PDB file of all heavy atoms in Angstrom:
ATOM      1  N   SER A   1     -45.712  34.368   6.934  1.00  0.00           N
ATOM      2  CA  SER A   1     -47.069  34.355   7.465  1.00  0.00           C
ATOM      3  C   SER A   1     -48.030  34.869   6.408  1.00  0.00           C
ATOM      4  O   SER A   1     -47.844  35.953   5.864  1.00  0.00           O
ATOM      5  CB  SER A   1     -47.141  35.229   8.717  1.00  0.00           C
ATOM      6  OG  SER A   1     -48.414  35.136   9.304  1.00  0.00           O
ATOM      7  N   ARG A   2     -49.044  34.038   6.104  1.00  0.00           N
ATOM      8  CA  ARG A   2     -50.089  34.415   5.152  1.00  0.00           C
ATOM      9  C   ARG A   2     -51.438  34.062   5.762  1.00  0.00           C
ATOM     10  O   ARG A   2     -51.622  32.948   6.233  1.00  0.00           O
ATOM     11  CB  ARG A   2     -49.940  33.647   3.839  1.00  0.00           C
ATOM     12  CG  ARG A   2     -48.853  34.163   2.963  1.00  0.00           C
ATOM     13  CD  ARG A   2     -48.753  33.309   1.742  1.00  0.00           C
ATOM     14  NE  ARG A   2     -47.858  32.214   2.144  1.00  0.00           N
ATOM     15  CZ  ARG A   2     -47.458  31.246   1.381  1.00  0.00           C
ATOM     16  NH1 ARG A   2     -47.881  31.145   0.168  1.00  0.00           N
ATOM     17  NH2 ARG A   2     -46.624  30.332   1.814  1.00  0.00           N
ATOM     18  N   ASP A   3     -52.348  35.000   5.719  1.00  0.00           N
ATOM     19  CA  ASP A   3     -53.702  34.771   6.227  1.00  0.00           C
ATOM     20  C   ASP A   3     -53.687  34.234   7.652  1.00  0.00           C
ATOM     21  O   ASP A   3     -54.485  33.366   8.009  1.00  0.00           O
ATOM     22  CB  ASP A   3     -54.472  33.812   5.314  1.00  0.00           C
ATOM     23  CG  ASP A   3     -54.586  34.316   3.888  1.00  0.00           C
ATOM     24  OD1 ASP A   3     -54.692  35.548   3.725  1.00  0.00           O
ATOM     25  OD2 ASP A   3     -54.555  33.494   2.960  1.00  0.00           O
ATOM     26  N   GLY A   4     -52.775  34.710   8.466  1.00  0.00           N
ATOM     27  CA  GLY A   4     -52.692  34.293   9.856  1.00  0.00           C
ATOM     28  C   GLY A   4     -52.076  32.925  10.088  1.00  0.00           C
ATOM     29  O   GLY A   4     -52.052  32.437  11.201  1.00  0.00           O
ATOM     30  N   VAL A   5     -51.579  32.287   9.022  1.00  0.00           N
ATOM     31  CA  VAL A   5     -50.958  30.964   9.138  1.00  0.00           C
ATOM     32  C   VAL A   5     -49.469  31.112   8.839  1.00  0.00           C
ATOM     33  O   VAL A   5     -49.083  31.685   7.830  1.00  0.00           O
ATOM     34  CB  VAL A   5     -51.593  29.963   8.145  1.00  0.00           C
ATOM     35  CG1 VAL A   5     -50.881  28.633   8.209  1.00  0.00           C
ATOM     36  CG2 VAL A   5     -53.073  29.807   8.423  1.00  0.00           C
ATOM     37  N   THR A   6     -48.643  30.612   9.741  1.00  0.00           N
ATOM     38  CA  THR A   6     -47.199  30.672   9.544  1.00  0.00           C
ATOM     39  C   THR A   6     -46.718  29.357   8.956  1.00  0.00           C
ATOM     40  O   THR A   6     -47.137  28.286   9.382  1.00  0.00           O
ATOM     41  CB  THR A   6     -46.477  30.951  10.870  1.00  0.00           C
ATOM     42  OG1 THR A   6     -46.951  32.197  11.390  1.00  0.00           O
ATOM     43  CG2 THR A   6     -44.978  31.024  10.688  1.00  0.00           C
ATOM     44  N   SER A   7     -45.888  29.450   7.952  1.00  0.00           N
ATOM     45  CA  SER A   7     -45.285  28.250   7.372  1.00  0.00           C
ATOM     46  C   SER A   7     -43.799  28.462   7.209  1.00  0.00           C
ATOM     47  O   SER A   7     -43.308  29.582   7.265  1.00  0.00           O
ATOM     48  CB  SER A   7     -45.926  27.877   6.038  1.00  0.00           C
ATOM     49  OG  SER A   7     -46.284  28.963   5.276  1.00  0.00           O
ATOM     50  N   LEU A   8     -43.099  27.363   7.050  1.00  0.00           N
ATOM     51  CA  LEU A   8     -41.673  27.413   6.753  1.00  0.00           C
ATOM     52  C   LEU A   8     -41.512  27.188   5.263  1.00  0.00           C
ATOM     53  O   LEU A   8     -42.074  26.249   4.701  1.00  0.00           O
ATOM     54  CB  LEU A   8     -40.914  26.323   7.509  1.00  0.00           C
ATOM     55  CG  LEU A   8     -40.628  26.580   8.969  1.00  0.00           C
ATOM     56  CD1 LEU A   8     -39.938  25.369   9.592  1.00  0.00           C
ATOM     57  CD2 LEU A   8     -39.767  27.812   9.156  1.00  0.00           C
ATOM     58  N   ILE A   9     -40.735  28.035   4.635  1.00  0.00           N
ATOM     59  CA  ILE A   9     -40.441  27.924   3.212  1.00  0.00           C
ATOM     60  C   ILE A   9     -39.018  27.397   3.072  1.00  0.00           C
ATOM     61  O   ILE A   9     -38.095  27.899   3.718  1.00  0.00           O
ATOM     62  CB  ILE A   9     -40.563  29.295   2.508  1.00  0.00           C
ATOM     63  CG1 ILE A   9     -41.966  29.871   2.679  1.00  0.00           C
ATOM     64  CG2 ILE A   9     -40.172  29.193   1.047  1.00  0.00           C
ATOM     65  CD1 ILE A   9     -43.063  29.060   2.044  1.00  0.00           C
ATOM     66  N   PHE A  10     -38.872  26.397   2.240  1.00  0.00           N
ATOM     67  CA  PHE A  10     -37.565  25.825   1.915  1.00  0.00           C
ATOM     68  C   PHE A  10     -37.354  26.090   0.429  1.00  0.00           C
ATOM     69  O   PHE A  10     -38.085  25.561  -0.399  1.00  0.00           O
ATOM     70  CB  PHE A  10     -37.549  24.315   2.177  1.00  0.00           C
ATOM     71  CG  PHE A  10     -37.754  23.956   3.624  1.00  0.00           C
ATOM     72  CD1 PHE A  10     -39.023  23.962   4.182  1.00  0.00           C
ATOM     73  CD2 PHE A  10     -36.676  23.599   4.418  1.00  0.00           C
ATOM     74  CE1 PHE A  10     -39.224  23.622   5.510  1.00  0.00           C
ATOM     75  CE2 PHE A  10     -36.869  23.253   5.743  1.00  0.00           C
ATOM     76  CZ  PHE A  10     -38.141  23.272   6.295  1.00  0.00           C
ATOM     77  N   LYS A  11     -36.371  26.925   0.109  1.00  0.00           N
ATOM     78  CA  LYS A  11     -36.163  27.330  -1.280  1.00  0.00           C
ATOM     79  C   LYS A  11     -34.774  26.887  -1.740  1.00  0.00           C
ATOM     80  O   LYS A  11     -33.767  27.219  -1.124  1.00  0.00           O
ATOM     81  CB  LYS A  11     -36.285  28.845  -1.404  1.00  0.00           C
ATOM     82  CG  LYS A  11     -36.233  29.352  -2.830  1.00  0.00           C
ATOM     83  CD  LYS A  11     -36.282  30.880  -2.898  1.00  0.00           C
ATOM     84  CE  LYS A  11     -37.631  31.392  -2.464  1.00  0.00           C
ATOM     85  NZ  LYS A  11     -37.731  32.860  -2.640  1.00  0.00           N
ATOM     86  N   GLU A  12     -34.755  26.145  -2.825  1.00  0.00           N
ATOM     87  CA  GLU A  12     -33.503  25.661  -3.403  1.00  0.00           C
ATOM     88  C   GLU A  12     -33.334  26.337  -4.765  1.00  0.00           C
ATOM     89  O   GLU A  12     -34.097  26.079  -5.692  1.00  0.00           O
ATOM     90  CB  GLU A  12     -33.564  24.144  -3.555  1.00  0.00           C
ATOM     91  CG  GLU A  12     -32.280  23.535  -4.051  1.00  0.00           C
ATOM     92  CD  GLU A  12     -32.398  22.024  -4.112  1.00  0.00           C
ATOM     93  OE1 GLU A  12     -33.142  21.521  -4.967  1.00  0.00           O
ATOM     94  OE2 GLU A  12     -31.732  21.361  -3.308  1.00  0.00           O
ATOM     95  N   LYS A  13     -32.343  27.216  -4.864  1.00  0.00           N
ATOM     96  CA  LYS A  13     -32.138  27.987  -6.083  1.00  0.00           C
ATOM     97  C   LYS A  13     -31.159  27.291  -7.020  1.00  0.00           C
ATOM     98  O   LYS A  13     -30.152  26.742  -6.584  1.00  0.00           O
ATOM     99  CB  LYS A  13     -31.625  29.384  -5.749  1.00  0.00           C
ATOM    100  CG  LYS A  13     -32.626  30.211  -4.986  1.00  0.00           C
ATOM    101  CD  LYS A  13     -32.105  31.592  -4.694  1.00  0.00           C
ATOM    102  CE  LYS A  13     -33.141  32.387  -3.921  1.00  0.00           C
ATOM    103  NZ  LYS A  13     -32.677  33.745  -3.623  1.00  0.00           N
ATOM    104  N   HIS A  14     -31.502  27.316  -8.288  1.00  0.00           N
ATOM    105  CA  HIS A  14     -30.646  26.811  -9.356  1.00  0.00           C
ATOM    106  C   HIS A  14     -30.420  27.951 -10.341  1.00  0.00           C
ATOM    107  O   HIS A  14     -30.988  29.025 -10.183  1.00  0.00           O
ATOM    108  CB  HIS A  14     -31.304  25.600 -10.029  1.00  0.00           C
ATOM    109  CG  HIS A  14     -31.530  24.458  -9.087  1.00  0.00           C
ATOM    110  ND1 HIS A  14     -30.573  23.509  -8.828  1.00  0.00           N
ATOM    111  CD2 HIS A  14     -32.586  24.137  -8.304  1.00  0.00           C
ATOM    112  CE1 HIS A  14     -31.029  22.647  -7.946  1.00  0.00           C
ATOM    113  NE2 HIS A  14     -32.256  23.010  -7.609  1.00  0.00           N
ATOM    114  N   SER A  15     -29.633  27.728 -11.369  1.00  0.00           N
ATOM    115  CA  SER A  15     -29.282  28.823 -12.278  1.00  0.00           C
ATOM    116  C   SER A  15     -30.496  29.406 -13.004  1.00  0.00           C
ATOM    117  O   SER A  15     -30.591  30.603 -13.196  1.00  0.00           O
ATOM    118  CB  SER A  15     -28.226  28.375 -13.284  1.00  0.00           C
ATOM    119  OG  SER A  15     -28.727  27.329 -14.092  1.00  0.00           O
ATOM    120  N   ARG A  16     -31.440  28.584 -13.430  1.00  0.00           N
ATOM    121  CA  ARG A  16     -32.567  29.091 -14.213  1.00  0.00           C
ATOM    122  C   ARG A  16     -33.940  28.783 -13.590  1.00  0.00           C
ATOM    123  O   ARG A  16     -34.964  29.068 -14.186  1.00  0.00           O
ATOM    124  CB  ARG A  16     -32.503  28.553 -15.629  1.00  0.00           C
ATOM    125  CG  ARG A  16     -31.213  28.973 -16.335  1.00  0.00           C
ATOM    126  CD  ARG A  16     -31.156  28.580 -17.771  1.00  0.00           C
ATOM    127  NE  ARG A  16     -32.243  29.048 -18.591  1.00  0.00           N
ATOM    128  CZ  ARG A  16     -32.349  30.253 -19.138  1.00  0.00           C
ATOM    129  NH1 ARG A  16     -31.427  31.151 -18.902  1.00  0.00           N
ATOM    130  NH2 ARG A  16     -33.379  30.573 -19.895  1.00  0.00           N
ATOM    131  N   HIS A  17     -33.944  28.174 -12.417  1.00  0.00           N
ATOM    132  CA  HIS A  17     -35.207  27.887 -11.749  1.00  0.00           C
ATOM    133  C   HIS A  17     -34.950  27.698 -10.256  1.00  0.00           C
ATOM    134  O   HIS A  17     -33.807  27.674  -9.814  1.00  0.00           O
ATOM    135  CB  HIS A  17     -35.871  26.635 -12.342  1.00  0.00           C
ATOM    136  CG  HIS A  17     -35.191  25.357 -11.968  1.00  0.00           C
ATOM    137  ND1 HIS A  17     -34.039  24.914 -12.567  1.00  0.00           N
ATOM    138  CD2 HIS A  17     -35.515  24.427 -11.032  1.00  0.00           C
ATOM    139  CE1 HIS A  17     -33.673  23.769 -12.030  1.00  0.00           C
ATOM    140  NE2 HIS A  17     -34.545  23.446 -11.087  1.00  0.00           N
ATOM    141  N   GLN A  18     -36.027  27.586  -9.503  1.00  0.00           N
ATOM    142  CA  GLN A  18     -35.926  27.301  -8.077  1.00  0.00           C
ATOM    143  C   GLN A  18     -37.035  26.343  -7.669  1.00  0.00           C
ATOM    144  O   GLN A  18     -38.127  26.361  -8.224  1.00  0.00           O
ATOM    145  CB  GLN A  18     -35.996  28.579  -7.254  1.00  0.00           C
ATOM    146  CG  GLN A  18     -37.277  29.356  -7.390  1.00  0.00           C
ATOM    147  CD  GLN A  18     -37.197  30.693  -6.676  1.00  0.00           C
ATOM    148  OE1 GLN A  18     -36.151  31.093  -6.187  1.00  0.00           O
ATOM    149  NE2 GLN A  18     -38.309  31.393  -6.611  1.00  0.00           N
ATOM    150  N   LEU A  19     -36.700  25.481  -6.722  1.00  0.00           N
ATOM    151  CA  LEU A  19     -37.674  24.580  -6.110  1.00  0.00           C
ATOM    152  C   LEU A  19     -38.096  25.190  -4.785  1.00  0.00           C
ATOM    153  O   LEU A  19     -37.251  25.687  -4.031  1.00  0.00           O
ATOM    154  CB  LEU A  19     -37.054  23.208  -5.833  1.00  0.00           C
ATOM    155  CG  LEU A  19     -36.778  22.316  -7.011  1.00  0.00           C
ATOM    156  CD1 LEU A  19     -35.963  21.108  -6.561  1.00  0.00           C
ATOM    157  CD2 LEU A  19     -38.076  21.866  -7.651  1.00  0.00           C
ATOM    158  N   VAL A  20     -39.387  25.155  -4.498  1.00  0.00           N
ATOM    159  CA  VAL A  20     -39.897  25.722  -3.260  1.00  0.00           C
ATOM    160  C   VAL A  20     -40.794  24.689  -2.588  1.00  0.00           C
ATOM    161  O   VAL A  20     -41.661  24.099  -3.223  1.00  0.00           O
ATOM    162  CB  VAL A  20     -40.700  27.018  -3.519  1.00  0.00           C
ATOM    163  CG1 VAL A  20     -41.207  27.601  -2.211  1.00  0.00           C
ATOM    164  CG2 VAL A  20     -39.859  28.036  -4.278  1.00  0.00           C
ATOM    165  N   PHE A  21     -40.554  24.486  -1.289  1.00  0.00           N
ATOM    166  CA  PHE A  21     -41.385  23.606  -0.483  1.00  0.00           C
ATOM    167  C   PHE A  21     -41.985  24.444   0.640  1.00  0.00           C
ATOM    168  O   PHE A  21     -41.266  25.169   1.320  1.00  0.00           O
ATOM    169  CB  PHE A  21     -40.562  22.456   0.103  1.00  0.00           C
ATOM    170  CG  PHE A  21     -39.954  21.569  -0.937  1.00  0.00           C
ATOM    171  CD1 PHE A  21     -38.656  21.768  -1.369  1.00  0.00           C
ATOM    172  CD2 PHE A  21     -40.692  20.533  -1.489  1.00  0.00           C
ATOM    173  CE1 PHE A  21     -38.089  20.950  -2.326  1.00  0.00           C
ATOM    174  CE2 PHE A  21     -40.132  19.703  -2.453  1.00  0.00           C
ATOM    175  CZ  PHE A  21     -38.834  19.913  -2.879  1.00  0.00           C
ATOM    176  N   ASP A  22     -43.286  24.362   0.808  1.00  0.00           N
ATOM    177  CA  ASP A  22     -44.026  25.139   1.795  1.00  0.00           C
ATOM    178  C   ASP A  22     -44.570  24.158   2.837  1.00  0.00           C
ATOM    179  O   ASP A  22     -45.412  23.319   2.528  1.00  0.00           O
ATOM    180  CB  ASP A  22     -45.164  25.871   1.079  1.00  0.00           C
ATOM    181  CG  ASP A  22     -45.992  26.759   1.989  1.00  0.00           C
ATOM    182  OD1 ASP A  22     -45.860  26.668   3.222  1.00  0.00           O
ATOM    183  OD2 ASP A  22     -46.797  27.543   1.455  1.00  0.00           O
ATOM    184  N   LEU A  23     -44.068  24.250   4.072  1.00  0.00           N
ATOM    185  CA  LEU A  23     -44.450  23.336   5.151  1.00  0.00           C
ATOM    186  C   LEU A  23     -45.235  24.110   6.196  1.00  0.00           C
ATOM    187  O   LEU A  23     -44.759  25.116   6.711  1.00  0.00           O
ATOM    188  CB  LEU A  23     -43.197  22.717   5.777  1.00  0.00           C
ATOM    189  CG  LEU A  23     -43.384  21.742   6.912  1.00  0.00           C
ATOM    190  CD1 LEU A  23     -44.192  20.530   6.467  1.00  0.00           C
ATOM    191  CD2 LEU A  23     -42.030  21.305   7.447  1.00  0.00           C
ATOM    192  N   ARG A  24     -46.464  23.645   6.492  1.00  0.00           N
ATOM    193  CA  ARG A  24     -47.302  24.304   7.494  1.00  0.00           C
ATOM    194  C   ARG A  24     -48.091  23.271   8.282  1.00  0.00           C
ATOM    195  O   ARG A  24     -48.218  22.132   7.860  1.00  0.00           O
ATOM    196  CB  ARG A  24     -48.235  25.300   6.849  1.00  0.00           C
ATOM    197  CG  ARG A  24     -49.307  24.642   6.013  1.00  0.00           C
ATOM    198  CD  ARG A  24     -50.276  25.610   5.409  1.00  0.00           C
ATOM    199  NE  ARG A  24     -49.604  26.421   4.423  1.00  0.00           N
ATOM    200  CZ  ARG A  24     -50.140  27.453   3.834  1.00  0.00           C
ATOM    201  NH1 ARG A  24     -51.361  27.814   4.118  1.00  0.00           N
ATOM    202  NH2 ARG A  24     -49.479  28.152   2.946  1.00  0.00           N
ATOM    203  N   LEU A  25     -48.595  23.707   9.405  1.00  0.00           N
ATOM    204  CA  LEU A  25     -49.473  22.848  10.210  1.00  0.00           C
ATOM    205  C   LEU A  25     -50.918  23.198   9.895  1.00  0.00           C
ATOM    206  O   LEU A  25     -51.290  24.360   9.882  1.00  0.00           O
ATOM    207  CB  LEU A  25     -49.235  23.062  11.705  1.00  0.00           C
ATOM    208  CG  LEU A  25     -48.010  22.403  12.303  1.00  0.00           C
ATOM    209  CD1 LEU A  25     -47.900  22.773  13.778  1.00  0.00           C
ATOM    210  CD2 LEU A  25     -48.054  20.905  12.136  1.00  0.00           C
ATOM    211  N   GLU A  26     -51.689  22.165   9.632  1.00  0.00           N
ATOM    212  CA  GLU A  26     -53.125  22.344   9.463  1.00  0.00           C
ATOM    213  C   GLU A  26     -53.817  21.444  10.461  1.00  0.00           C
ATOM    214  O   GLU A  26     -53.846  20.240  10.300  1.00  0.00           O
ATOM    215  CB  GLU A  26     -53.554  22.006   8.028  1.00  0.00           C
ATOM    216  CG  GLU A  26     -53.157  23.062   7.049  1.00  0.00           C
ATOM    217  CD  GLU A  26     -53.687  22.802   5.657  1.00  0.00           C
ATOM    218  OE1 GLU A  26     -54.360  21.783   5.434  1.00  0.00           O
ATOM    219  OE2 GLU A  26     -53.377  23.616   4.780  1.00  0.00           O
ATOM    220  N   GLY A  27     -54.370  21.996  11.495  1.00  0.00           N
ATOM    221  CA  GLY A  27     -54.969  21.224  12.588  1.00  0.00           C
ATOM    222  C   GLY A  27     -53.977  20.298  13.266  1.00  0.00           C
ATOM    223  O   GLY A  27     -53.547  19.965  13.281  1.00  0.00           O
ATOM    224  N   ASN A  28     -52.836  20.402  13.691  1.00  0.00           N
ATOM    225  CA  ASN A  28     -51.851  19.453  14.244  1.00  0.00           C
ATOM    226  C   ASN A  28     -51.264  18.480  13.226  1.00  0.00           C
ATOM    227  O   ASN A  28     -50.587  17.551  13.625  1.00  0.00           O
ATOM    228  CB  ASN A  28     -52.426  18.679  15.428  1.00  0.00           C
ATOM    229  CG  ASN A  28     -52.732  19.574  16.596  1.00  0.00           C
ATOM    230  OD1 ASN A  28     -52.198  20.672  16.686  1.00  0.00           O
ATOM    231  ND2 ASN A  28     -53.581  19.142  17.480  1.00  0.00           N
ATOM    232  N   GLN A  29     -51.568  18.592  11.962  1.00  0.00           N
ATOM    233  CA  GLN A  29     -51.003  17.718  10.935  1.00  0.00           C
ATOM    234  C   GLN A  29     -50.126  18.545   9.983  1.00  0.00           C
ATOM    235  O   GLN A  29     -50.554  19.599   9.518  1.00  0.00           O
ATOM    236  CB  GLN A  29     -52.106  17.049  10.108  1.00  0.00           C
ATOM    237  CG  GLN A  29     -52.965  16.082  10.890  1.00  0.00           C
ATOM    238  CD  GLN A  29     -52.169  14.891  11.370  1.00  0.00           C
ATOM    239  OE1 GLN A  29     -51.348  14.342  10.646  1.00  0.00           O
ATOM    240  NE2 GLN A  29     -52.410  14.491  12.608  1.00  0.00           N
ATOM    241  N   PRO A  30     -48.917  18.081   9.709  1.00  0.00           N
ATOM    242  CA  PRO A  30     -48.075  18.822   8.765  1.00  0.00           C
ATOM    243  C   PRO A  30     -48.611  18.681   7.337  1.00  0.00           C
ATOM    244  O   PRO A  30     -49.094  17.630   6.943  1.00  0.00           O
ATOM    245  CB  PRO A  30     -46.707  18.156   8.902  1.00  0.00           C
ATOM    246  CG  PRO A  30     -46.996  16.788   9.404  1.00  0.00           C
ATOM    247  CD  PRO A  30     -48.252  16.894  10.215  1.00  0.00           C
ATOM    248  N   ARG A  31     -48.546  19.763   6.591  1.00  0.00           N
ATOM    249  CA  ARG A  31     -48.961  19.749   5.183  1.00  0.00           C
ATOM    250  C   ARG A  31     -47.815  20.317   4.361  1.00  0.00           C
ATOM    251  O   ARG A  31     -47.298  21.388   4.656  1.00  0.00           O
ATOM    252  CB  ARG A  31     -50.207  20.589   4.973  1.00  0.00           C
ATOM    253  CG  ARG A  31     -50.692  20.546   3.533  1.00  0.00           C
ATOM    254  CD  ARG A  31     -52.029  21.249   3.399  1.00  0.00           C
ATOM    255  NE  ARG A  31     -52.590  21.070   2.076  1.00  0.00           N
ATOM    256  CZ  ARG A  31     -52.247  21.794   1.014  1.00  0.00           C
ATOM    257  NH1 ARG A  31     -51.318  22.718   1.125  1.00  0.00           N
ATOM    258  NH2 ARG A  31     -52.815  21.582  -0.152  1.00  0.00           N
ATOM    259  N   LEU A  32     -47.435  19.587   3.347  1.00  0.00           N
ATOM    260  CA  LEU A  32     -46.321  19.992   2.488  1.00  0.00           C
ATOM    261  C   LEU A  32     -46.841  20.260   1.086  1.00  0.00           C
ATOM    262  O   LEU A  32     -47.611  19.480   0.539  1.00  0.00           O
ATOM    263  CB  LEU A  32     -45.268  18.878   2.448  1.00  0.00           C
ATOM    264  CG  LEU A  32     -44.018  19.153   1.615  1.00  0.00           C
ATOM    265  CD1 LEU A  32     -43.215  20.322   2.203  1.00  0.00           C
ATOM    266  CD2 LEU A  32     -43.153  17.906   1.545  1.00  0.00           C
ATOM    267  N   ARG A  33     -46.406  21.374   0.530  1.00  0.00           N
ATOM    268  CA  ARG A  33     -46.733  21.725  -0.844  1.00  0.00           C
ATOM    269  C   ARG A  33     -45.425  22.024  -1.555  1.00  0.00           C
ATOM    270  O   ARG A  33     -44.536  22.663  -0.987  1.00  0.00           O
ATOM    271  CB  ARG A  33     -47.626  22.956  -0.848  1.00  0.00           C
ATOM    272  CG  ARG A  33     -48.293  23.215  -2.180  1.00  0.00           C
ATOM    273  CD  ARG A  33     -49.074  24.488  -2.112  1.00  0.00           C
ATOM    274  NE  ARG A  33     -48.215  25.423  -2.834  1.00  0.00           N
ATOM    275  CZ  ARG A  33     -48.423  26.695  -3.013  1.00  0.00           C
ATOM    276  NH1 ARG A  33     -49.447  27.257  -2.513  1.00  0.00           N
ATOM    277  NH2 ARG A  33     -47.612  27.442  -3.683  1.00  0.00           N
ATOM    278  N   GLY A  34     -45.278  21.576  -2.769  1.00  0.00           N
ATOM    279  CA  GLY A  34     -44.061  21.826  -3.520  1.00  0.00           C
ATOM    280  C   GLY A  34     -44.367  22.405  -4.877  1.00  0.00           C
ATOM    281  O   GLY A  34     -45.372  22.059  -5.499  1.00  0.00           O
ATOM    282  N   TYR A  35     -43.535  23.324  -5.321  1.00  0.00           N
ATOM    283  CA  TYR A  35     -43.686  23.907  -6.650  1.00  0.00           C
ATOM    284  C   TYR A  35     -42.335  24.409  -7.137  1.00  0.00           C
ATOM    285  O   TYR A  35     -41.363  24.449  -6.394  1.00  0.00           O
ATOM    286  CB  TYR A  35     -44.742  25.018  -6.659  1.00  0.00           C
ATOM    287  CG  TYR A  35     -44.487  26.162  -5.702  1.00  0.00           C
ATOM    288  CD1 TYR A  35     -43.830  27.315  -6.110  1.00  0.00           C
ATOM    289  CD2 TYR A  35     -44.918  26.090  -4.376  1.00  0.00           C
ATOM    290  CE1 TYR A  35     -43.611  28.362  -5.235  1.00  0.00           C
ATOM    291  CE2 TYR A  35     -44.698  27.133  -3.500  1.00  0.00           C
ATOM    292  CZ  TYR A  35     -44.056  28.271  -3.943  1.00  0.00           C
ATOM    293  OH  TYR A  35     -43.839  29.303  -3.059  1.00  0.00           O
ATOM    294  N   TRP A  36     -42.283  24.779  -8.389  1.00  0.00           N
ATOM    295  CA  TRP A  36     -41.057  25.315  -8.954  1.00  0.00           C
ATOM    296  C   TRP A  36     -41.411  26.557  -9.758  1.00  0.00           C
ATOM    297  O   TRP A  36     -42.546  26.738 -10.204  1.00  0.00           O
ATOM    298  CB  TRP A  36     -40.335  24.289  -9.821  1.00  0.00           C
ATOM    299  CG  TRP A  36     -41.093  23.910 -11.064  1.00  0.00           C
ATOM    300  CD1 TRP A  36     -42.105  22.993 -11.159  1.00  0.00           C
ATOM    301  CD2 TRP A  36     -40.902  24.452 -12.369  1.00  0.00           C
ATOM    302  NE1 TRP A  36     -42.552  22.923 -12.442  1.00  0.00           N
ATOM    303  CE2 TRP A  36     -41.835  23.810 -13.216  1.00  0.00           C
ATOM    304  CE3 TRP A  36     -40.059  25.398 -12.914  1.00  0.00           C
ATOM    305  CZ2 TRP A  36     -41.937  24.100 -14.570  1.00  0.00           C
ATOM    306  CZ3 TRP A  36     -40.150  25.685 -14.262  1.00  0.00           C
ATOM    307  CH2 TRP A  36     -41.075  25.044 -15.074  1.00  0.00           C
ATOM    308  N   SER A  37     -40.449  27.442  -9.910  1.00  0.00           N
ATOM    309  CA  SER A  37     -40.629  28.618 -10.752  1.00  0.00           C
ATOM    310  C   SER A  37     -39.333  28.878 -11.496  1.00  0.00           C
ATOM    311  O   SER A  37     -38.248  28.590 -11.000  1.00  0.00           O
ATOM    312  CB  SER A  37     -41.046  29.834  -9.920  1.00  0.00           C
ATOM    313  OG  SER A  37     -40.059  30.155  -8.974  1.00  0.00           O
ATOM    314  N   GLY A  38     -39.477  29.388 -12.699  1.00  0.00           N
ATOM    315  CA  GLY A  38     -38.313  29.621 -13.533  1.00  0.00           C
ATOM    316  C   GLY A  38     -38.311  30.998 -14.138  1.00  0.00           C
ATOM    317  O   GLY A  38     -39.227  31.803 -13.955  1.00  0.00           O
ATOM    318  N   ILE A  39     -37.284  31.266 -14.900  1.00  0.00           N
ATOM    319  CA  ILE A  39     -37.137  32.545 -15.584  1.00  0.00           C
ATOM    320  C   ILE A  39     -38.280  32.714 -16.576  1.00  0.00           C
ATOM    321  O   ILE A  39     -38.673  31.775 -17.256  1.00  0.00           O
ATOM    322  CB  ILE A  39     -35.770  32.604 -16.297  1.00  0.00           C
ATOM    323  CG1 ILE A  39     -34.666  32.607 -15.245  1.00  0.00           C
ATOM    324  CG2 ILE A  39     -35.666  33.814 -17.198  1.00  0.00           C
ATOM    325  CD1 ILE A  39     -33.272  32.557 -15.804  1.00  0.00           C
ATOM    326  N   GLY A  40     -38.824  33.909 -16.641  1.00  0.00           N
ATOM    327  CA  GLY A  40     -39.882  34.198 -17.595  1.00  0.00           C
ATOM    328  C   GLY A  40     -41.267  33.833 -17.108  1.00  0.00           C
ATOM    329  O   GLY A  40     -42.212  33.783 -17.891  1.00  0.00           O
ATOM    330  N   GLY A  41     -41.416  33.546 -15.821  1.00  0.00           N
ATOM    331  CA  GLY A  41     -42.730  33.260 -15.277  1.00  0.00           C
ATOM    332  C   GLY A  41     -43.176  31.819 -15.405  1.00  0.00           C
ATOM    333  O   GLY A  41     -44.321  31.496 -15.083  1.00  0.00           O
ATOM    334  N   PHE A  42     -42.326  30.944 -15.900  1.00  0.00           N
ATOM    335  CA  PHE A  42     -42.694  29.535 -15.991  1.00  0.00           C
ATOM    336  C   PHE A  42     -42.658  28.902 -14.610  1.00  0.00           C
ATOM    337  O   PHE A  42     -41.910  29.326 -13.743  1.00  0.00           O
ATOM    338  CB  PHE A  42     -41.739  28.784 -16.925  1.00  0.00           C
ATOM    339  CG  PHE A  42     -41.832  29.235 -18.345  1.00  0.00           C
ATOM    340  CD1 PHE A  42     -40.880  30.087 -18.884  1.00  0.00           C
ATOM    341  CD2 PHE A  42     -42.882  28.820 -19.143  1.00  0.00           C
ATOM    342  CE1 PHE A  42     -40.966  30.513 -20.184  1.00  0.00           C
ATOM    343  CE2 PHE A  42     -42.979  29.235 -20.456  1.00  0.00           C
ATOM    344  CZ  PHE A  42     -42.027  30.092 -20.978  1.00  0.00           C
ATOM    345  N   GLY A  43     -43.439  27.872 -14.419  1.00  0.00           N
ATOM    346  CA  GLY A  43     -43.429  27.162 -13.152  1.00  0.00           C
ATOM    347  C   GLY A  43     -44.676  26.344 -12.992  1.00  0.00           C
ATOM    348  O   GLY A  43     -45.516  26.263 -13.889  1.00  0.00           O
ATOM    349  N   GLY A  44     -44.798  25.723 -11.838  1.00  0.00           N
ATOM    350  CA  GLY A  44     -45.973  24.917 -11.561  1.00  0.00           C
ATOM    351  C   GLY A  44     -45.784  24.077 -10.323  1.00  0.00           C
ATOM    352  O   GLY A  44     -44.728  24.086  -9.692  1.00  0.00           O
ATOM    353  N   GLY A  45     -46.825  23.357  -9.992  1.00  0.00           N
ATOM    354  CA  GLY A  45     -46.793  22.492  -8.820  1.00  0.00           C
ATOM    355  C   GLY A  45     -46.017  21.217  -9.098  1.00  0.00           C
ATOM    356  O   GLY A  45     -45.901  20.782 -10.239  1.00  0.00           O
TER     357      GLY A  45
END
């Protein structure tokens, strides 16, 4: 829960990085956001 909005996080971990999918409802419509993060602070959408 962030800013009063609850979302489901789907996190897939790998040896040196992870994939993250953030699923939330915005007005009755599902919204999906995906990003990755790695060792040393690398990552992005």
